[in-house]
Amino acid sequence: MPSQRSQWFARNEQAEQLEAEGERQKALALYEQNAREGCNLSFTYERMATIYRADDRLPEAVEAMEKALTIEKERGPSAKVVRLEKSAKSLRNAAAEAPTRRKTAPRRERTERRATAPSTKGKAAKKGCFSVLLILFSLASLTAFVLI
């Protein structure tokens, strides 16, 4: 029979696959199952925090990120602890601001694409420059014609 830890890893892998397929809520259910069983893999809680934040469930996101941080701190100082501390601080700040923020549209999945026309960012600037040059050239031609 597989160990508890290997079951957690297997669920995390399955949940990652579900996330990649856009099945965030099914993935969250697997992460939460690991958490109920006392999982000590910080990855589980990081992913839970990410999904909670995307669903605008900030208190749960903070709690999950704090759990991931606690697990990593028990292992000792590392770059991951520093990264998790920054993430936890960011979540705490977002949660503190949440009541004062106006309600925004729900976040889209990363896999979703906007159904818009191709970007015209650079083209607009070029068109404007061309128009200015055309006007200047016209004025110069008109001035030359008047002087002749």
N, C-alpha and C. Protein backbone atom coordinates (compact mmCIF):
# COMPACT_ATOMS: atom_id res chain seq x y z
N MET A 1 0.85 -1.18 0.00
CA MET A 1 0.00 0.00 0.00
C MET A 1 0.89 1.24 0.00
N PRO A 2 0.58 2.23 -0.86
CA PRO A 2 1.41 3.43 -0.94
C PRO A 2 1.34 4.25 0.35
N SER A 3 2.43 4.93 0.63
CA SER A 3 2.48 5.77 1.83
C SER A 3 1.56 6.98 1.66
N GLN A 4 1.24 7.59 2.80
CA GLN A 4 0.38 8.78 2.79
C GLN A 4 1.02 9.89 1.95
N ARG A 5 2.32 10.07 2.13
CA ARG A 5 3.03 11.12 1.40
C ARG A 5 2.97 10.89 -0.11
N SER A 6 3.12 9.66 -0.55
CA SER A 6 3.06 9.39 -1.99
C SER A 6 1.65 9.62 -2.52
N GLN A 7 0.63 9.39 -1.70
CA GLN A 7 -0.75 9.69 -2.11
C GLN A 7 -0.93 11.20 -2.29
N TRP A 8 -0.32 11.98 -1.40
CA TRP A 8 -0.40 13.44 -1.51
C TRP A 8 0.26 13.91 -2.80
N PHE A 9 1.44 13.36 -3.08
CA PHE A 9 2.14 13.73 -4.31
C PHE A 9 1.29 13.38 -5.54
N ALA A 10 0.69 12.18 -5.52
CA ALA A 10 -0.13 11.74 -6.65
C ALA A 10 -1.33 12.67 -6.84
N ARG A 11 -1.97 13.04 -5.74
CA ARG A 11 -3.11 13.97 -5.84
C ARG A 11 -2.67 15.33 -6.37
N ASN A 12 -1.52 15.80 -5.90
CA ASN A 12 -1.01 17.09 -6.39
C ASN A 12 -0.75 17.04 -7.89
N GLU A 13 -0.19 15.94 -8.37
CA GLU A 13 0.06 15.80 -9.80
C GLU A 13 -1.25 15.79 -10.58
N GLN A 14 -2.23 15.07 -10.06
CA GLN A 14 -3.54 15.01 -10.71
C GLN A 14 -4.19 16.40 -10.71
N ALA A 15 -4.08 17.10 -9.59
CA ALA A 15 -4.65 18.44 -9.49
C ALA A 15 -3.97 19.41 -10.46
N GLU A 16 -2.65 19.30 -10.60
CA GLU A 16 -1.92 20.14 -11.55
C GLU A 16 -2.43 19.91 -12.97
N GLN A 17 -2.67 18.66 -13.30
CA GLN A 17 -3.19 18.33 -14.63
C GLN A 17 -4.58 18.94 -14.82
N LEU A 18 -5.41 18.83 -13.80
CA LEU A 18 -6.76 19.41 -13.87
C LEU A 18 -6.69 20.93 -14.05
N GLU A 19 -5.78 21.58 -13.34
CA GLU A 19 -5.61 23.03 -13.50
C GLU A 19 -5.21 23.37 -14.93
N ALA A 20 -4.30 22.59 -15.48
CA ALA A 20 -3.85 22.83 -16.85
C ALA A 20 -5.00 22.68 -17.84
N GLU A 21 -5.96 21.84 -17.51
CA GLU A 21 -7.13 21.62 -18.37
C GLU A 21 -8.25 22.62 -18.08
N GLY A 22 -8.01 23.54 -17.13
CA GLY A 22 -9.01 24.54 -16.81
C GLY A 22 -10.03 24.11 -15.78
N GLU A 23 -9.80 23.00 -15.14
CA GLU A 23 -10.73 22.45 -14.13
C GLU A 23 -10.25 22.86 -12.73
N ARG A 24 -10.25 24.15 -12.46
CA ARG A 24 -9.71 24.67 -11.20
C ARG A 24 -10.44 24.15 -9.98
N GLN A 25 -11.75 24.08 -10.02
CA GLN A 25 -12.50 23.66 -8.83
C GLN A 25 -12.27 22.18 -8.50
N LYS A 26 -12.14 21.35 -9.52
CA LYS A 26 -11.83 19.93 -9.28
C LYS A 26 -10.42 19.80 -8.68
N ALA A 27 -9.51 20.61 -9.19
CA ALA A 27 -8.14 20.60 -8.65
C ALA A 27 -8.16 21.05 -7.20
N LEU A 28 -8.92 22.10 -6.90
CA LEU A 28 -9.02 22.60 -5.53
C LEU A 28 -9.55 21.52 -4.59
N ALA A 29 -10.50 20.74 -5.04
CA ALA A 29 -11.05 19.67 -4.21
C ALA A 29 -9.95 18.66 -3.83
N LEU A 30 -9.05 18.36 -4.77
CA LEU A 30 -7.96 17.43 -4.48
C LEU A 30 -6.96 18.04 -3.50
N TYR A 31 -6.62 19.31 -3.70
CA TYR A 31 -5.72 19.98 -2.76
C TYR A 31 -6.34 20.03 -1.36
N GLU A 32 -7.62 20.33 -1.30
CA GLU A 32 -8.30 20.40 0.00
C GLU A 32 -8.36 19.03 0.67
N GLN A 33 -8.49 17.97 -0.12
CA GLN A 33 -8.47 16.62 0.45
C GLN A 33 -7.11 16.35 1.09
N ASN A 34 -6.04 16.74 0.41
CA ASN A 34 -4.71 16.59 1.00
C ASN A 34 -4.62 17.38 2.31
N ALA A 35 -5.13 18.60 2.31
CA ALA A 35 -5.06 19.44 3.51
C ALA A 35 -5.83 18.81 4.67
N ARG A 36 -7.00 18.25 4.39
CA ARG A 36 -7.78 17.60 5.46
C ARG A 36 -7.04 16.42 6.07
N GLU A 37 -6.20 15.79 5.26
CA GLU A 37 -5.43 14.63 5.74
C GLU A 37 -4.13 15.05 6.43
N GLY A 38 -3.90 16.35 6.56
CA GLY A 38 -2.71 16.82 7.26
C GLY A 38 -1.47 16.88 6.40
N CYS A 39 -1.65 17.09 5.12
CA CYS A 39 -0.54 17.15 4.17
C CYS A 39 0.52 18.15 4.64
N ASN A 40 1.79 17.76 4.51
CA ASN A 40 2.88 18.65 4.89
C ASN A 40 3.72 19.07 3.67
N LEU A 41 3.05 19.21 2.53
CA LEU A 41 3.70 19.67 1.31
C LEU A 41 3.26 21.11 1.05
N SER A 42 4.19 22.03 1.12
CA SER A 42 3.83 23.44 0.97
C SER A 42 3.20 23.72 -0.39
N PHE A 43 3.57 22.95 -1.39
CA PHE A 43 3.01 23.12 -2.73
C PHE A 43 1.48 23.06 -2.71
N THR A 44 0.94 22.12 -1.94
CA THR A 44 -0.51 21.96 -1.85
C THR A 44 -1.16 23.26 -1.42
N TYR A 45 -0.62 23.88 -0.39
CA TYR A 45 -1.21 25.09 0.16
C TYR A 45 -0.97 26.31 -0.73
N GLU A 46 0.17 26.34 -1.42
CA GLU A 46 0.42 27.43 -2.37
C GLU A 46 -0.62 27.41 -3.48
N ARG A 47 -0.88 26.23 -4.02
CA ARG A 47 -1.86 26.12 -5.10
C ARG A 47 -3.26 26.46 -4.60
N MET A 48 -3.58 26.03 -3.37
CA MET A 48 -4.88 26.38 -2.81
C MET A 48 -5.01 27.89 -2.71
N ALA A 49 -3.96 28.55 -2.23
CA ALA A 49 -3.97 30.01 -2.09
C ALA A 49 -4.17 30.68 -3.44
N THR A 50 -3.51 30.17 -4.46
CA THR A 50 -3.63 30.74 -5.80
C THR A 50 -5.07 30.64 -6.31
N ILE A 51 -5.67 29.49 -6.12
CA ILE A 51 -7.05 29.29 -6.59
C ILE A 51 -8.01 30.13 -5.77
N TYR A 52 -7.83 30.15 -4.45
CA TYR A 52 -8.70 30.98 -3.61
C TYR A 52 -8.60 32.45 -4.02
N ARG A 53 -7.40 32.92 -4.28
CA ARG A 53 -7.24 34.32 -4.66
C ARG A 53 -7.93 34.60 -5.99
N ALA A 54 -7.79 33.69 -6.93
CA ALA A 54 -8.45 33.87 -8.23
C ALA A 54 -9.97 33.90 -8.08
N ASP A 55 -10.48 33.17 -7.08
CA ASP A 55 -11.92 33.15 -6.81
C ASP A 55 -12.34 34.27 -5.86
N ASP A 56 -11.43 35.17 -5.54
CA ASP A 56 -11.68 36.30 -4.63
C ASP A 56 -12.10 35.83 -3.24
N ARG A 57 -11.49 34.74 -2.80
CA ARG A 57 -11.70 34.21 -1.46
C ARG A 57 -10.43 34.49 -0.66
N LEU A 58 -10.21 35.76 -0.39
CA LEU A 58 -8.94 36.21 0.18
C LEU A 58 -8.65 35.68 1.58
N PRO A 59 -9.62 35.60 2.48
CA PRO A 59 -9.28 35.05 3.80
C PRO A 59 -8.75 33.61 3.71
N GLU A 60 -9.37 32.79 2.86
CA GLU A 60 -8.91 31.42 2.68
C GLU A 60 -7.53 31.39 2.02
N ALA A 61 -7.30 32.32 1.09
CA ALA A 61 -6.00 32.40 0.42
C ALA A 61 -4.90 32.73 1.42
N VAL A 62 -5.17 33.68 2.31
CA VAL A 62 -4.19 34.06 3.34
C VAL A 62 -3.89 32.85 4.23
N GLU A 63 -4.94 32.18 4.67
CA GLU A 63 -4.76 31.02 5.56
C GLU A 63 -3.93 29.93 4.89
N ALA A 64 -4.21 29.65 3.63
CA ALA A 64 -3.47 28.61 2.92
C ALA A 64 -2.01 29.02 2.73
N MET A 65 -1.76 30.27 2.39
CA MET A 65 -0.38 30.73 2.18
C MET A 65 0.39 30.72 3.50
N GLU A 66 -0.27 31.08 4.58
CA GLU A 66 0.37 31.04 5.91
C GLU A 66 0.76 29.60 6.26
N LYS A 67 -0.08 28.63 5.90
CA LYS A 67 0.22 27.22 6.17
C LYS A 67 1.44 26.78 5.35
N ALA A 68 1.49 27.19 4.09
CA ALA A 68 2.65 26.86 3.25
C ALA A 68 3.92 27.45 3.84
N LEU A 69 3.82 28.68 4.32
CA LEU A 69 4.96 29.36 4.92
C LEU A 69 5.42 28.65 6.19
N THR A 70 4.48 28.24 7.02
CA THR A 70 4.81 27.52 8.25
C THR A 70 5.55 26.22 7.94
N ILE A 71 5.08 25.50 6.95
CA ILE A 71 5.72 24.23 6.56
C ILE A 71 7.16 24.49 6.11
N GLU A 72 7.35 25.50 5.28
CA GLU A 72 8.70 25.78 4.77
C GLU A 72 9.62 26.32 5.86
N LYS A 73 9.11 27.10 6.79
CA LYS A 73 9.94 27.60 7.88
C LYS A 73 10.45 26.47 8.76
N GLU A 74 9.65 25.42 8.92
CA GLU A 74 10.08 24.26 9.71
C GLU A 74 11.27 23.57 9.06
N ARG A 75 11.40 23.68 7.76
CA ARG A 75 12.51 23.06 7.04
C ARG A 75 13.78 23.89 7.14
N GLY A 76 13.63 25.16 7.52
CA GLY A 76 14.79 26.02 7.66
C GLY A 76 14.78 27.15 6.65
N PRO A 77 15.71 28.09 6.82
CA PRO A 77 15.78 29.26 5.93
C PRO A 77 16.04 28.83 4.49
N SER A 78 15.36 29.50 3.58
CA SER A 78 15.57 29.22 2.16
C SER A 78 14.99 30.36 1.33
N ALA A 79 15.31 30.34 0.06
CA ALA A 79 14.76 31.33 -0.86
C ALA A 79 13.25 31.15 -0.97
N LYS A 80 12.80 29.92 -0.82
CA LYS A 80 11.36 29.66 -0.90
C LYS A 80 10.63 30.32 0.27
N VAL A 81 11.23 30.32 1.45
CA VAL A 81 10.62 30.98 2.60
C VAL A 81 10.47 32.47 2.32
N VAL A 82 11.50 33.07 1.76
CA VAL A 82 11.45 34.50 1.44
C VAL A 82 10.33 34.77 0.43
N ARG A 83 10.23 33.93 -0.60
CA ARG A 83 9.19 34.10 -1.62
C ARG A 83 7.80 33.94 -1.01
N LEU A 84 7.64 32.94 -0.14
CA LEU A 84 6.34 32.72 0.49
C LEU A 84 5.98 33.85 1.45
N GLU A 85 6.97 34.42 2.13
CA GLU A 85 6.70 35.56 3.01
C GLU A 85 6.17 36.75 2.21
N LYS A 86 6.78 36.98 1.04
CA LYS A 86 6.31 38.07 0.18
C LYS A 86 4.89 37.81 -0.30
N SER A 87 4.62 36.57 -0.70
CA SER A 87 3.27 36.22 -1.17
C SER A 87 2.25 36.37 -0.06
N ALA A 88 2.61 35.91 1.15
CA ALA A 88 1.69 36.02 2.28
C ALA A 88 1.41 37.48 2.61
N LYS A 89 2.43 38.31 2.57
CA LYS A 89 2.25 39.74 2.85
C LYS A 89 1.33 40.37 1.81
N SER A 90 1.54 40.03 0.56
CA SER A 90 0.71 40.55 -0.53
C SER A 90 -0.75 40.13 -0.34
N LEU A 91 -0.97 38.88 0.04
CA LEU A 91 -2.33 38.40 0.27
C LEU A 91 -2.97 39.09 1.47
N ARG A 92 -2.20 39.27 2.54
CA ARG A 92 -2.74 39.96 3.72
C ARG A 92 -3.15 41.39 3.36
N ASN A 93 -2.31 42.06 2.59
CA ASN A 93 -2.64 43.43 2.16
C ASN A 93 -3.90 43.44 1.29
N ALA A 94 -4.00 42.50 0.37
CA ALA A 94 -5.18 42.43 -0.50
C ALA A 94 -6.43 42.16 0.32
N ALA A 95 -6.31 41.27 1.31
CA ALA A 95 -7.46 40.95 2.16
C ALA A 95 -7.86 42.16 3.00
N ALA A 96 -6.88 42.93 3.46
CA ALA A 96 -7.18 44.12 4.26
C ALA A 96 -7.88 45.19 3.42
N GLU A 97 -7.53 45.27 2.15
CA GLU A 97 -8.13 46.27 1.26
C GLU A 97 -9.46 45.81 0.68
N ALA A 98 -9.74 44.53 0.77
CA ALA A 98 -10.91 43.95 0.10
C ALA A 98 -12.22 44.66 0.42
N PRO A 99 -12.54 45.00 1.66
CA PRO A 99 -13.83 45.65 1.90
C PRO A 99 -13.94 47.03 1.26
N THR A 100 -12.81 47.70 1.03
CA THR A 100 -12.86 49.04 0.46
C THR A 100 -12.79 49.03 -1.06
N ARG A 101 -12.39 47.91 -1.63
CA ARG A 101 -12.31 47.84 -3.09
C ARG A 101 -13.68 47.68 -3.69
N ARG A 102 -13.84 48.22 -4.90
CA ARG A 102 -15.10 48.02 -5.58
C ARG A 102 -15.09 46.64 -6.22
N LYS A 103 -16.25 46.10 -6.41
CA LYS A 103 -16.37 44.76 -6.98
C LYS A 103 -15.95 44.80 -8.45
N THR A 104 -15.06 43.91 -8.82
CA THR A 104 -14.60 43.85 -10.20
C THR A 104 -15.12 42.58 -10.85
N ALA A 105 -14.98 42.52 -12.13
CA ALA A 105 -15.41 41.33 -12.87
C ALA A 105 -14.55 40.15 -12.44
N PRO A 106 -15.11 38.94 -12.45
CA PRO A 106 -14.32 37.77 -12.05
C PRO A 106 -13.14 37.58 -12.98
N ARG A 107 -12.06 37.07 -12.41
CA ARG A 107 -10.86 36.85 -13.21
C ARG A 107 -11.08 35.72 -14.19
N ARG A 108 -10.43 35.87 -15.34
CA ARG A 108 -10.51 34.81 -16.35
C ARG A 108 -9.44 33.78 -16.06
N GLU A 109 -9.69 32.59 -16.53
CA GLU A 109 -8.67 31.55 -16.46
C GLU A 109 -7.50 31.97 -17.32
N ARG A 110 -6.32 31.52 -16.96
CA ARG A 110 -5.14 31.85 -17.76
C ARG A 110 -5.25 31.30 -19.17
N THR A 111 -5.95 30.19 -19.33
CA THR A 111 -6.03 29.56 -20.64
C THR A 111 -7.00 30.28 -21.57
N GLU A 112 -7.86 31.15 -21.01
CA GLU A 112 -8.80 31.88 -21.85
C GLU A 112 -8.07 32.97 -22.61
N ARG A 113 -8.52 33.23 -23.80
CA ARG A 113 -7.95 34.28 -24.63
C ARG A 113 -9.01 35.35 -24.86
N ARG A 114 -8.56 36.56 -24.99
CA ARG A 114 -9.50 37.63 -25.32
C ARG A 114 -9.90 37.51 -26.78
N ALA A 115 -11.15 37.77 -27.05
CA ALA A 115 -11.65 37.73 -28.42
C ALA A 115 -11.65 39.15 -28.97
N THR A 116 -10.46 39.68 -29.18
CA THR A 116 -10.35 41.04 -29.69
C THR A 116 -9.50 41.04 -30.95
N ALA A 117 -9.52 42.15 -31.61
CA ALA A 117 -8.71 42.31 -32.82
C ALA A 117 -7.24 42.38 -32.43
N PRO A 118 -6.37 42.12 -33.37
CA PRO A 118 -4.93 42.21 -33.08
C PRO A 118 -4.57 43.60 -32.58
N SER A 119 -3.52 43.66 -31.83
CA SER A 119 -3.08 44.93 -31.24
C SER A 119 -2.71 45.94 -32.31
N THR A 120 -3.12 47.18 -32.06
CA THR A 120 -2.76 48.27 -32.97
C THR A 120 -1.94 49.31 -32.23
N LYS A 121 -1.34 48.89 -31.14
CA LYS A 121 -0.61 49.82 -30.29
C LYS A 121 0.46 50.60 -31.06
N GLY A 122 1.34 49.90 -31.73
CA GLY A 122 2.41 50.56 -32.47
C GLY A 122 1.91 51.25 -33.72
N LYS A 123 0.86 50.72 -34.35
CA LYS A 123 0.33 51.27 -35.59
C LYS A 123 -0.27 52.65 -35.39
N ALA A 124 -0.93 52.84 -34.26
CA ALA A 124 -1.57 54.14 -34.00
C ALA A 124 -0.51 55.23 -33.92
N ALA A 125 0.59 54.94 -33.27
CA ALA A 125 1.66 55.93 -33.14
C ALA A 125 2.25 56.24 -34.50
N LYS A 126 2.44 55.24 -35.34
CA LYS A 126 3.00 55.45 -36.67
C LYS A 126 2.05 56.27 -37.53
N LYS A 127 0.75 55.94 -37.43
CA LYS A 127 -0.24 56.67 -38.22
C LYS A 127 -0.24 58.14 -37.83
N GLY A 128 -0.17 58.41 -36.55
CA GLY A 128 -0.14 59.79 -36.08
C GLY A 128 1.07 60.53 -36.59
N CYS A 129 2.22 59.91 -36.57
CA CYS A 129 3.44 60.55 -37.05
C CYS A 129 3.34 60.83 -38.54
N PHE A 130 2.80 59.90 -39.29
CA PHE A 130 2.65 60.08 -40.72
C PHE A 130 1.72 61.25 -41.02
N SER A 131 0.65 61.33 -40.26
CA SER A 131 -0.30 62.44 -40.46
C SER A 131 0.36 63.78 -40.21
N VAL A 132 1.15 63.86 -39.18
CA VAL A 132 1.86 65.11 -38.88
C VAL A 132 2.83 65.45 -40.00
N LEU A 133 3.56 64.47 -40.47
CA LEU A 133 4.50 64.71 -41.58
C LEU A 133 3.76 65.14 -42.83
N LEU A 134 2.64 64.53 -43.11
CA LEU A 134 1.85 64.88 -44.28
C LEU A 134 1.35 66.32 -44.19
N ILE A 135 0.90 66.72 -43.04
CA ILE A 135 0.43 68.10 -42.84
C ILE A 135 1.58 69.09 -43.02
N LEU A 136 2.73 68.78 -42.41
CA LEU A 136 3.89 69.67 -42.54
C LEU A 136 4.33 69.79 -44.00
N PHE A 137 4.35 68.67 -44.70
CA PHE A 137 4.74 68.69 -46.11
C PHE A 137 3.75 69.52 -46.93
N SER A 138 2.46 69.36 -46.63
CA SER A 138 1.43 70.15 -47.34
C SER A 138 1.61 71.62 -47.07
N LEU A 139 1.86 72.00 -45.81
CA LEU A 139 2.06 73.40 -45.48
C LEU A 139 3.31 73.96 -46.18
N ALA A 140 4.37 73.17 -46.22
CA ALA A 140 5.58 73.62 -46.87
C ALA A 140 5.34 73.80 -48.36
N SER A 141 4.61 72.91 -48.98
CA SER A 141 4.30 73.00 -50.42
C SER A 141 3.43 74.21 -50.68
N LEU A 142 2.43 74.44 -49.81
CA LEU A 142 1.54 75.58 -49.98
C LEU A 142 2.31 76.89 -49.83
N THR A 143 3.20 76.93 -48.85
CA THR A 143 4.01 78.14 -48.63
C THR A 143 4.90 78.39 -49.84
N ALA A 144 5.49 77.35 -50.37
CA ALA A 144 6.36 77.50 -51.54
C ALA A 144 5.55 77.96 -52.74
N PHE A 145 4.33 77.46 -52.91
CA PHE A 145 3.47 77.83 -54.02
C PHE A 145 3.06 79.31 -53.90
N VAL A 146 2.75 79.74 -52.69
CA VAL A 146 2.32 81.13 -52.46
C VAL A 146 3.48 82.08 -52.73
N LEU A 147 4.68 81.71 -52.36
CA LEU A 147 5.85 82.57 -52.54
C LEU A 147 6.27 82.67 -54.00
N ILE A 148 5.92 81.75 -54.81
CA ILE A 148 6.34 81.74 -56.22
C ILE A 148 5.52 82.69 -57.01
